[in-house]
Structure formats: C-alpha cells, structure tokens
Amino acid sequence: MPNNSPTRSTLYMHMSEFWSGDLGLTLVTISVTFLVFVITPLREAGLPGRIFFDLVVVALMVSGALVVEQSLVSKSFLVAAVLVSAFVLGAGRVHPTPFLHQFGSILSAATLLLYIRIVLLVMFRAGPMNWSRIQGGVCAYLLLGMAWASAFQFVEQLHPGSFRFVSTPVGMDQLTSKFTYYSFTTLTTLGSDISPVSPIARSLTIAESSVGLLFPAIFIGALVAMAMQSRPKS
C-alpha cells in the first residue's frame, strides 16, 4: 500500500503556511462579518446562504485547530464538538423539537467559544506584529457576540418569557435574528428594544456588557505589549 505520510506532511505544511500569514484570519473575519451583519439579520425575511458561511467558518476553524500548537486531545475535542453541534442543529431543522433546539443552542455557544480559543491561539502565537493580529481581535469579538446570542436563545427556549420583545418572534430564524441583534447591542452597550426579564437573562446581559467594555481595553493592551516585545533592542 502507498505511504500517505508525505501527502499528510505536505497538506499540514500548506495549512500551517495558510494560517501563519494574513489569509486564514482574513477569510474567517470576512465570513463571520458577513454572517453577523448580512445573513443573520435577513434570515427572518427568508434570505438563504447561512449554511454556506457556516460551512466556510467550520472548515477554516477546524484547519486552524489542526495546525496551532495544542495537544491532540484538544484538537480531537474541537473536531468532535463541531461534528456533534452540526448534527444536532441539522436534526433540529429536520425534526424541530424543544429538546433539539435547546441542545443545539447550548452546543452552538460552546463551539463558538472554542472557535474564539483557536483565533486567539493563532493571533498570539510567536511572530512579528502584523495586520492579522488586529483581524484576529475583530474576529474574536464577533464570535463572542454570536456565542452570547446562542446563550440568550437557550435561556429563552428553556424558560419562555425570559426576554420581552416588541414583536414576538415566530420560528427559529426570527428568534436567532433578534437575539443576534440583542447580543451585539448589549456587547457594544448600545441598548435595544428587547428587555431581559428573568434573573438569568439579566445576569447574562450584565456579563456581556461588562465583557464588551473590557475586551477592547485588554486587546489593545495585549497588542501594545506584543509590539513592544517585537521591537529590535538597540
């Protein structure tokens, strides 16, 4: 039988080069930005295309997980989490039940947090200060908002009435769209017409608004520290 190890080594090298430059984080950032600001808000109007961008982000994140410095257990856990999350979300579309919707929402939140970890590992690995570091921060910020949106959605599905809406969402697409809007208005401390009612909903809202204030400050401080460390010593 032919030995596939040279092929695997070549593939791994190409993926590593892909993520060591700007291209990997650039594609992830563009995909997530389009998903958050175009596809998700218009889903309640029946706009297709969500699954395409979901698949692009999944493929990019899995390839990033395979090349960053982390244990085999961590890599295997991420791939397994992505596959299980995709299966549950797909099953919830085919056979919509409260359990599948709730389970899918909590898995989405967990998987998005794992994506943030991958982006930060790529962003803060050794190397010169470049544009990809800033792209990584933007991407992590957007993924954070998406993760919180899934958490809000889980709370509302588990305890209906945890949030007060001006117009009650009908179906999963409208619910996802409204909570994406609410999550990012909370993350940026802008405020919205959706109000948290239950204690857990209020606690999550306070936590996200706090993270929204702290994340940019910590991110800018980390970039400044990296820039100072990468400067040639005279």
Protein backbone atom coordinates (compact mmCIF):
# COMPACT_ATOMS: atom_id res chain seq x y z
CA MET A 1 0.00 0.00 0.00
CA PRO A 2 1.28 3.52 -0.74
CA ASN A 3 2.59 5.58 2.11
CA ASN A 4 0.41 8.63 2.69
CA SER A 5 2.68 10.31 5.24
CA PRO A 6 4.40 12.61 2.65
CA THR A 7 0.96 13.73 1.46
CA ARG A 8 -0.16 14.44 5.02
CA SER A 9 3.05 16.33 5.74
CA THR A 10 2.59 18.46 2.62
CA LEU A 11 -1.04 19.19 3.50
CA TYR A 12 -0.09 20.11 7.06
CA MET A 13 2.67 22.41 5.78
CA HIS A 14 0.26 24.19 3.42
CA MET A 15 -2.29 24.67 6.21
CA SER A 16 0.41 25.98 8.53
CA GLU A 17 1.57 28.49 5.91
CA PHE A 18 -2.06 29.46 5.28
CA TRP A 19 -2.59 30.34 8.96
CA SER A 20 0.86 31.85 9.58
CA GLY A 21 0.07 34.66 7.13
CA ASP A 22 -2.89 37.00 6.92
CA LEU A 23 -5.11 34.86 4.68
CA GLY A 24 -6.53 32.48 7.30
CA LEU A 25 -7.74 35.11 9.75
CA THR A 26 -8.80 37.38 6.86
CA LEU A 27 -11.17 34.76 5.43
CA VAL A 28 -12.58 33.91 8.87
CA THR A 29 -13.14 37.59 9.68
CA ILE A 30 -14.84 38.29 6.33
CA SER A 31 -17.08 35.21 6.65
CA VAL A 32 -18.09 35.96 10.25
CA THR A 33 -18.69 39.65 9.45
CA PHE A 34 -20.95 38.81 6.52
CA LEU A 35 -22.73 36.19 8.62
CA VAL A 36 -23.40 38.61 11.50
CA PHE A 37 -24.25 41.79 9.61
CA VAL A 38 -25.95 40.48 6.46
CA ILE A 39 -27.13 36.88 6.57
CA THR A 40 -28.41 36.54 10.15
CA PRO A 41 -30.42 39.83 10.30
CA LEU A 42 -32.12 38.98 7.00
CA ARG A 43 -32.90 35.36 7.84
CA GLU A 44 -36.36 36.28 9.06
CA ALA A 45 -37.02 37.63 5.55
CA GLY A 46 -36.14 34.22 4.12
CA LEU A 47 -32.67 35.10 2.77
CA PRO A 48 -30.69 31.90 2.08
CA GLY A 49 -26.95 31.47 2.43
CA ARG A 50 -26.46 30.87 6.15
CA ILE A 51 -25.37 27.26 5.68
CA PHE A 52 -22.66 28.24 3.17
CA PHE A 53 -20.99 30.69 5.55
CA ASP A 54 -21.41 28.27 8.45
CA LEU A 55 -19.55 25.60 6.47
CA VAL A 56 -16.80 28.05 5.49
CA VAL A 57 -16.24 29.09 9.11
CA VAL A 58 -16.31 25.45 10.30
CA ALA A 59 -13.76 24.37 7.67
CA LEU A 60 -11.44 27.28 8.46
CA MET A 61 -11.63 26.76 12.21
CA VAL A 62 -11.02 23.02 12.01
CA SER A 63 -7.98 23.59 9.77
CA GLY A 64 -6.73 26.20 12.23
CA ALA A 65 -7.21 23.83 15.15
CA LEU A 66 -5.11 21.19 13.40
CA VAL A 67 -2.06 23.43 12.92
CA VAL A 68 -1.89 25.54 16.10
CA GLU A 69 0.23 24.36 19.00
CA GLN A 70 -2.10 22.34 21.22
CA SER A 71 -2.49 18.78 22.40
CA LEU A 72 -4.02 16.00 20.33
CA VAL A 73 -6.82 15.77 22.89
CA SER A 74 -7.72 19.45 22.35
CA LYS A 75 -7.73 19.04 18.58
CA SER A 76 -9.87 15.91 18.76
CA PHE A 77 -12.28 17.55 21.21
CA LEU A 78 -12.81 20.55 18.90
CA VAL A 79 -13.47 18.38 15.83
CA ALA A 80 -15.88 16.20 17.82
CA ALA A 81 -17.69 19.26 19.22
CA VAL A 82 -18.11 20.74 15.74
CA LEU A 83 -19.48 17.49 14.30
CA VAL A 84 -21.90 16.93 17.20
CA SER A 85 -23.09 20.54 17.08
CA ALA A 86 -23.66 20.37 13.31
CA PHE A 87 -25.57 17.09 13.66
CA VAL A 88 -27.84 18.38 16.44
CA LEU A 89 -28.56 21.66 14.63
CA GLY A 90 -29.33 19.77 11.42
CA ALA A 91 -31.59 17.34 13.28
CA GLY A 92 -33.38 20.30 14.86
CA ARG A 93 -34.11 21.66 11.39
CA VAL A 94 -35.45 18.34 10.11
CA HIS A 95 -37.33 17.35 13.29
CA PRO A 96 -37.94 20.56 15.29
CA THR A 97 -38.41 19.66 18.95
CA PRO A 98 -37.83 21.82 22.05
CA PHE A 99 -35.05 19.49 23.26
CA LEU A 100 -33.11 19.60 19.96
CA HIS A 101 -33.44 23.37 19.75
CA GLN A 102 -32.23 23.83 23.34
CA PHE A 103 -29.40 21.35 22.93
CA GLY A 104 -28.40 22.92 19.62
CA SER A 105 -28.27 26.41 21.16
CA ILE A 106 -26.04 25.39 24.04
CA LEU A 107 -23.77 23.41 21.70
CA SER A 108 -23.53 26.42 19.38
CA ALA A 109 -22.46 28.65 22.27
CA ALA A 110 -19.82 26.14 23.40
CA THR A 111 -18.50 25.60 19.87
CA LEU A 112 -18.23 29.35 19.24
CA LEU A 113 -16.21 29.73 22.44
CA LEU A 114 -13.88 27.01 21.15
CA TYR A 115 -13.59 28.98 17.90
CA ILE A 116 -12.57 32.04 19.91
CA ARG A 117 -9.86 29.98 21.58
CA ILE A 118 -8.49 28.91 18.18
CA VAL A 119 -8.47 32.50 16.90
CA LEU A 120 -6.65 33.72 20.00
CA LEU A 121 -4.09 30.91 19.78
CA VAL A 122 -3.35 31.86 16.17
CA MET A 123 -3.36 35.55 17.00
CA PHE A 124 -1.00 35.42 19.98
CA ARG A 125 1.47 32.83 18.76
CA ALA A 126 5.09 33.86 18.27
CA GLY A 127 5.83 36.14 15.35
CA PRO A 128 6.05 39.74 14.25
CA MET A 129 3.31 42.27 14.85
CA ASN A 130 1.14 42.46 11.71
CA TRP A 131 -2.34 43.16 10.36
CA SER A 132 -3.56 39.62 11.10
CA ARG A 133 -3.33 40.31 14.85
CA ILE A 134 -5.93 43.08 14.54
CA GLN A 135 -8.11 40.90 12.32
CA GLY A 136 -7.96 38.19 14.95
CA GLY A 137 -9.23 40.59 17.62
CA VAL A 138 -12.13 41.69 15.42
CA CYS A 139 -12.99 38.08 14.62
CA ALA A 140 -12.87 37.03 18.29
CA TYR A 141 -15.11 39.99 19.21
CA LEU A 142 -17.72 38.98 16.61
CA LEU A 143 -17.59 35.32 17.64
CA LEU A 144 -18.08 36.41 21.24
CA GLY A 145 -21.28 38.22 20.29
CA MET A 146 -22.52 35.16 18.39
CA ALA A 147 -21.77 32.89 21.35
CA TRP A 148 -23.76 35.13 23.70
CA ALA A 149 -26.63 35.22 21.22
CA SER A 150 -26.79 31.41 21.36
CA ALA A 151 -26.73 31.55 25.16
CA PHE A 152 -29.62 34.06 25.22
CA GLN A 153 -31.51 31.85 22.79
CA PHE A 154 -31.00 28.83 25.05
CA VAL A 155 -32.36 30.72 28.06
CA GLU A 156 -35.45 31.84 26.16
CA GLN A 157 -36.07 28.33 24.83
CA LEU A 158 -35.63 26.80 28.27
CA HIS A 159 -37.79 29.39 30.05
CA PRO A 160 -40.08 31.19 27.56
CA GLY A 161 -40.73 34.77 28.62
CA SER A 162 -37.20 35.36 29.91
CA PHE A 163 -36.99 38.26 27.44
CA ARG A 164 -39.63 40.81 26.48
CA PHE A 165 -39.93 41.56 22.75
CA VAL A 166 -41.74 44.40 21.00
CA SER A 167 -42.89 41.88 18.38
CA THR A 168 -42.88 38.22 19.36
CA PRO A 169 -40.51 36.16 17.17
CA VAL A 170 -42.11 33.42 15.10
CA GLY A 171 -39.87 30.46 14.36
CA MET A 172 -36.16 29.80 14.88
CA ASP A 173 -34.95 32.18 12.17
CA GLN A 174 -36.64 35.20 13.74
CA LEU A 175 -35.53 34.17 17.23
CA THR A 176 -31.90 33.82 16.09
CA SER A 177 -32.02 37.13 14.25
CA LYS A 178 -33.48 39.02 17.22
CA PHE A 179 -31.00 37.57 19.71
CA THR A 180 -28.06 38.31 17.40
CA TYR A 181 -29.24 41.93 17.31
CA TYR A 182 -29.75 41.98 21.08
CA SER A 183 -26.37 40.38 21.75
CA PHE A 184 -24.39 42.91 19.75
CA THR A 185 -26.30 45.90 21.08
CA THR A 186 -25.52 44.59 24.56
CA LEU A 187 -21.87 43.83 23.75
CA THR A 188 -21.39 47.37 22.46
CA THR A 189 -23.51 48.80 25.35
CA LEU A 190 -25.80 50.45 22.81
CA GLY A 191 -29.08 49.15 24.25
CA SER A 192 -32.08 47.73 22.37
CA ASP A 193 -35.85 47.36 22.44
CA ILE A 194 -35.51 43.80 23.82
CA SER A 195 -35.58 43.63 27.62
CA PRO A 196 -34.29 40.85 29.90
CA VAL A 197 -36.94 39.80 32.41
CA SER A 198 -35.74 36.70 34.25
CA PRO A 199 -32.77 36.84 36.68
CA ILE A 200 -30.57 34.58 34.50
CA ALA A 201 -31.33 36.72 31.43
CA ARG A 202 -30.37 39.86 33.33
CA SER A 203 -27.19 38.26 34.66
CA LEU A 204 -26.11 37.19 31.16
CA THR A 205 -26.85 40.69 29.86
CA ILE A 206 -24.75 42.34 32.57
CA ALA A 207 -21.93 39.87 31.97
CA GLU A 208 -21.89 40.51 28.21
CA SER A 209 -21.96 44.30 28.58
CA SER A 210 -19.03 44.05 31.04
CA VAL A 211 -17.07 41.87 28.63
CA GLY A 212 -17.90 44.31 25.83
CA LEU A 213 -16.23 47.10 27.79
CA LEU A 214 -13.22 45.07 28.97
CA PHE A 215 -12.38 43.18 25.78
CA PRO A 216 -11.22 46.16 23.66
CA ALA A 217 -9.10 47.55 26.50
CA ILE A 218 -7.42 44.19 27.18
CA PHE A 219 -6.97 43.51 23.46
CA ILE A 220 -5.34 46.90 22.80
CA GLY A 221 -3.07 46.44 25.84
CA ALA A 222 -2.02 42.99 24.58
CA LEU A 223 -1.24 44.36 21.11
CA VAL A 224 0.85 47.18 22.58
CA ALA A 225 2.78 44.69 24.73
CA MET A 226 3.41 42.43 21.71
CA ALA A 227 4.54 45.42 19.63
CA MET A 228 6.98 46.47 22.36
CA GLN A 229 8.39 42.94 22.65
CA SER A 230 8.86 42.61 18.90
CA ARG A 231 10.80 45.89 18.59
CA PRO A 232 14.51 45.35 17.96
CA LYS A 233 16.60 46.14 21.00
CA SER A 234 19.17 48.89 20.49
